[in-house]
Amino acid sequence: MLDCDEVMERLYHYLDRELSEAELAEVRAHLDACPPCRERFTFEQNVLRRVGKCARQLSAPPSLVEKVRRMCDQ
């Protein structure tokens, strides 16, 4: 089983579902058994949800969107 430091190293990857199924299961098992890590996970999950909600309400100016597209094409 993973320890707290290992779970914290993987937390954002876990939140973004960027881990393998086995790694997801390991982190989930630790979070189920460790209240301090679960509390940190819940906090970070709420921050990401709030940022996502706020970001959907904002839009970039068309000039910025075009500049980013040009930079990506290079």
N, C-alpha and C. Protein backbone atom coordinates (compact mmCIF):
# COMPACT_ATOMS: atom_id res chain seq x y z
N MET A 1 0.84 -1.18 0.00
CA MET A 1 0.00 0.00 0.00
C MET A 1 0.88 1.25 0.00
N LEU A 2 0.41 2.28 -0.68
CA LEU A 2 1.16 3.53 -0.76
C LEU A 2 1.14 4.26 0.58
N ASP A 3 2.22 5.02 0.84
CA ASP A 3 2.20 5.85 2.04
C ASP A 3 1.71 7.26 1.66
N CYS A 4 1.55 8.11 2.65
CA CYS A 4 0.99 9.44 2.43
C CYS A 4 1.80 10.27 1.43
N ASP A 5 3.12 10.23 1.54
CA ASP A 5 3.96 11.00 0.60
C ASP A 5 3.76 10.53 -0.84
N GLU A 6 3.68 9.22 -1.03
CA GLU A 6 3.48 8.69 -2.38
C GLU A 6 2.11 9.09 -2.94
N VAL A 7 1.11 9.09 -2.09
CA VAL A 7 -0.23 9.49 -2.53
C VAL A 7 -0.23 10.97 -2.90
N MET A 8 0.40 11.80 -2.09
CA MET A 8 0.44 13.23 -2.40
C MET A 8 1.19 13.51 -3.70
N GLU A 9 2.22 12.72 -4.00
CA GLU A 9 2.95 12.88 -5.26
C GLU A 9 2.06 12.54 -6.46
N ARG A 10 1.09 11.68 -6.25
CA ARG A 10 0.22 11.23 -7.34
C ARG A 10 -1.16 11.92 -7.34
N LEU A 11 -1.40 12.80 -6.38
CA LEU A 11 -2.74 13.33 -6.18
C LEU A 11 -3.31 14.02 -7.41
N TYR A 12 -2.54 14.91 -8.04
CA TYR A 12 -3.07 15.62 -9.21
C TYR A 12 -3.26 14.68 -10.39
N HIS A 13 -2.38 13.71 -10.52
CA HIS A 13 -2.55 12.71 -11.58
C HIS A 13 -3.81 11.88 -11.31
N TYR A 14 -4.06 11.61 -10.05
CA TYR A 14 -5.27 10.89 -9.66
C TYR A 14 -6.51 11.72 -9.99
N LEU A 15 -6.49 12.98 -9.60
CA LEU A 15 -7.62 13.86 -9.87
C LEU A 15 -7.89 14.00 -11.36
N ASP A 16 -6.84 13.99 -12.16
CA ASP A 16 -6.97 14.13 -13.61
C ASP A 16 -7.14 12.79 -14.33
N ARG A 17 -7.22 11.70 -13.56
CA ARG A 17 -7.38 10.35 -14.12
C ARG A 17 -6.26 10.02 -15.10
N GLU A 18 -5.05 10.38 -14.72
CA GLU A 18 -3.88 10.13 -15.56
C GLU A 18 -3.06 8.93 -15.09
N LEU A 19 -3.58 8.17 -14.14
CA LEU A 19 -2.88 7.00 -13.62
C LEU A 19 -3.47 5.75 -14.26
N SER A 20 -2.70 4.68 -14.20
CA SER A 20 -3.21 3.39 -14.66
C SER A 20 -4.32 2.94 -13.72
N GLU A 21 -5.09 1.96 -14.14
CA GLU A 21 -6.16 1.44 -13.29
C GLU A 21 -5.61 0.93 -11.96
N ALA A 22 -4.46 0.27 -12.01
CA ALA A 22 -3.85 -0.26 -10.78
C ALA A 22 -3.44 0.88 -9.85
N GLU A 23 -2.83 1.93 -10.41
CA GLU A 23 -2.42 3.07 -9.59
C GLU A 23 -3.64 3.80 -9.02
N LEU A 24 -4.68 3.97 -9.83
CA LEU A 24 -5.92 4.59 -9.34
C LEU A 24 -6.46 3.81 -8.14
N ALA A 25 -6.46 2.50 -8.25
CA ALA A 25 -6.96 1.65 -7.17
C ALA A 25 -6.10 1.80 -5.91
N GLU A 26 -4.78 1.88 -6.08
CA GLU A 26 -3.89 2.04 -4.92
C GLU A 26 -4.15 3.36 -4.20
N VAL A 27 -4.25 4.43 -4.98
CA VAL A 27 -4.49 5.74 -4.38
C VAL A 27 -5.87 5.75 -3.71
N ARG A 28 -6.87 5.23 -4.39
CA ARG A 28 -8.23 5.18 -3.83
C ARG A 28 -8.25 4.41 -2.51
N ALA A 29 -7.54 3.28 -2.47
CA ALA A 29 -7.49 2.48 -1.24
C ALA A 29 -6.85 3.27 -0.10
N HIS A 30 -5.78 3.99 -0.41
CA HIS A 30 -5.14 4.80 0.63
C HIS A 30 -6.08 5.90 1.11
N LEU A 31 -6.73 6.58 0.18
CA LEU A 31 -7.64 7.66 0.55
C LEU A 31 -8.79 7.15 1.41
N ASP A 32 -9.26 5.97 1.11
CA ASP A 32 -10.35 5.36 1.91
C ASP A 32 -9.91 5.08 3.34
N ALA A 33 -8.61 4.81 3.53
CA ALA A 33 -8.11 4.41 4.85
C ALA A 33 -7.42 5.54 5.62
N CYS A 34 -7.20 6.70 4.97
CA CYS A 34 -6.39 7.75 5.60
C CYS A 34 -7.15 9.09 5.62
N PRO A 35 -7.77 9.42 6.75
CA PRO A 35 -8.53 10.68 6.82
C PRO A 35 -7.74 11.95 6.46
N PRO A 36 -6.48 12.12 6.88
CA PRO A 36 -5.77 13.35 6.49
C PRO A 36 -5.57 13.45 4.97
N CYS A 37 -5.23 12.37 4.32
CA CYS A 37 -5.05 12.40 2.87
C CYS A 37 -6.40 12.59 2.16
N ARG A 38 -7.43 11.98 2.69
CA ARG A 38 -8.76 12.14 2.11
C ARG A 38 -9.21 13.59 2.22
N GLU A 39 -8.88 14.24 3.35
CA GLU A 39 -9.22 15.65 3.53
C GLU A 39 -8.49 16.52 2.51
N ARG A 40 -7.22 16.24 2.30
CA ARG A 40 -6.44 16.99 1.30
C ARG A 40 -6.99 16.75 -0.10
N PHE A 41 -7.34 15.50 -0.41
CA PHE A 41 -7.93 15.17 -1.70
C PHE A 41 -9.23 15.95 -1.91
N THR A 42 -10.09 15.98 -0.90
CA THR A 42 -11.37 16.67 -1.00
C THR A 42 -11.15 18.17 -1.24
N PHE A 43 -10.19 18.74 -0.53
CA PHE A 43 -9.88 20.15 -0.71
C PHE A 43 -9.42 20.42 -2.14
N GLU A 44 -8.46 19.65 -2.61
CA GLU A 44 -7.92 19.86 -3.96
C GLU A 44 -8.99 19.62 -5.02
N GLN A 45 -9.83 18.63 -4.82
CA GLN A 45 -10.92 18.34 -5.76
C GLN A 45 -11.89 19.53 -5.83
N ASN A 46 -12.21 20.11 -4.68
CA ASN A 46 -13.09 21.27 -4.65
C ASN A 46 -12.47 22.48 -5.32
N VAL A 47 -11.18 22.69 -5.13
CA VAL A 47 -10.48 23.80 -5.79
C VAL A 47 -10.56 23.62 -7.31
N LEU A 48 -10.26 22.43 -7.79
CA LEU A 48 -10.31 22.18 -9.23
C LEU A 48 -11.71 22.38 -9.79
N ARG A 49 -12.72 21.94 -9.07
CA ARG A 49 -14.10 22.14 -9.52
C ARG A 49 -14.43 23.63 -9.60
N ARG A 50 -14.03 24.37 -8.59
CA ARG A 50 -14.32 25.81 -8.55
C ARG A 50 -13.60 26.53 -9.68
N VAL A 51 -12.34 26.21 -9.89
CA VAL A 51 -11.58 26.82 -10.98
C VAL A 51 -12.23 26.48 -12.32
N GLY A 52 -12.62 25.22 -12.49
CA GLY A 52 -13.27 24.81 -13.73
C GLY A 52 -14.57 25.56 -13.96
N LYS A 53 -15.34 25.72 -12.91
CA LYS A 53 -16.62 26.43 -13.02
C LYS A 53 -16.38 27.89 -13.39
N CYS A 54 -15.43 28.52 -12.74
CA CYS A 54 -15.14 29.93 -13.03
C CYS A 54 -14.57 30.09 -14.44
N ALA A 55 -13.72 29.17 -14.85
CA ALA A 55 -13.10 29.26 -16.17
C ALA A 55 -14.13 29.15 -17.28
N ARG A 56 -15.16 28.34 -17.07
CA ARG A 56 -16.21 28.22 -18.09
C ARG A 56 -17.01 29.49 -18.24
N GLN A 57 -17.01 30.32 -17.23
CA GLN A 57 -17.78 31.56 -17.26
C GLN A 57 -17.01 32.71 -17.91
N LEU A 58 -15.73 32.51 -18.14
CA LEU A 58 -14.88 33.54 -18.74
C LEU A 58 -14.54 33.16 -20.17
N SER A 59 -14.30 34.15 -20.98
CA SER A 59 -13.83 33.85 -22.33
C SER A 59 -12.66 34.79 -22.64
N ALA A 60 -11.76 34.27 -23.42
CA ALA A 60 -10.59 35.05 -23.80
C ALA A 60 -10.96 35.99 -24.95
N PRO A 61 -10.33 37.13 -25.00
CA PRO A 61 -10.57 38.04 -26.13
C PRO A 61 -10.16 37.35 -27.43
N PRO A 62 -10.87 37.62 -28.51
CA PRO A 62 -10.55 36.98 -29.80
C PRO A 62 -9.10 37.17 -30.22
N SER A 63 -8.52 38.32 -29.93
CA SER A 63 -7.12 38.56 -30.31
C SER A 63 -6.18 37.60 -29.59
N LEU A 64 -6.46 37.31 -28.34
CA LEU A 64 -5.63 36.36 -27.59
C LEU A 64 -5.80 34.96 -28.13
N VAL A 65 -7.02 34.57 -28.42
CA VAL A 65 -7.28 33.24 -28.99
C VAL A 65 -6.50 33.08 -30.29
N GLU A 66 -6.54 34.08 -31.14
CA GLU A 66 -5.82 34.01 -32.43
C GLU A 66 -4.31 33.93 -32.21
N LYS A 67 -3.80 34.70 -31.27
CA LYS A 67 -2.36 34.68 -30.99
C LYS A 67 -1.93 33.29 -30.51
N VAL A 68 -2.68 32.68 -29.64
CA VAL A 68 -2.36 31.34 -29.14
C VAL A 68 -2.42 30.33 -30.28
N ARG A 69 -3.42 30.43 -31.14
CA ARG A 69 -3.51 29.51 -32.29
C ARG A 69 -2.30 29.64 -33.20
N ARG A 70 -1.87 30.88 -33.46
CA ARG A 70 -0.69 31.08 -34.30
C ARG A 70 0.56 30.46 -33.66
N MET A 71 0.69 30.64 -32.36
CA MET A 71 1.85 30.09 -31.65
C MET A 71 1.84 28.55 -31.71
N CYS A 72 0.66 27.96 -31.65
CA CYS A 72 0.56 26.50 -31.69
C CYS A 72 0.88 25.96 -33.08
N ASP A 73 0.65 26.74 -34.10
CA ASP A 73 0.90 26.30 -35.47
C ASP A 73 2.40 26.32 -35.82
N GLN A 74 3.20 27.00 -35.02
CA GLN A 74 4.63 27.13 -35.34
C GLN A 74 5.38 25.87 -35.06
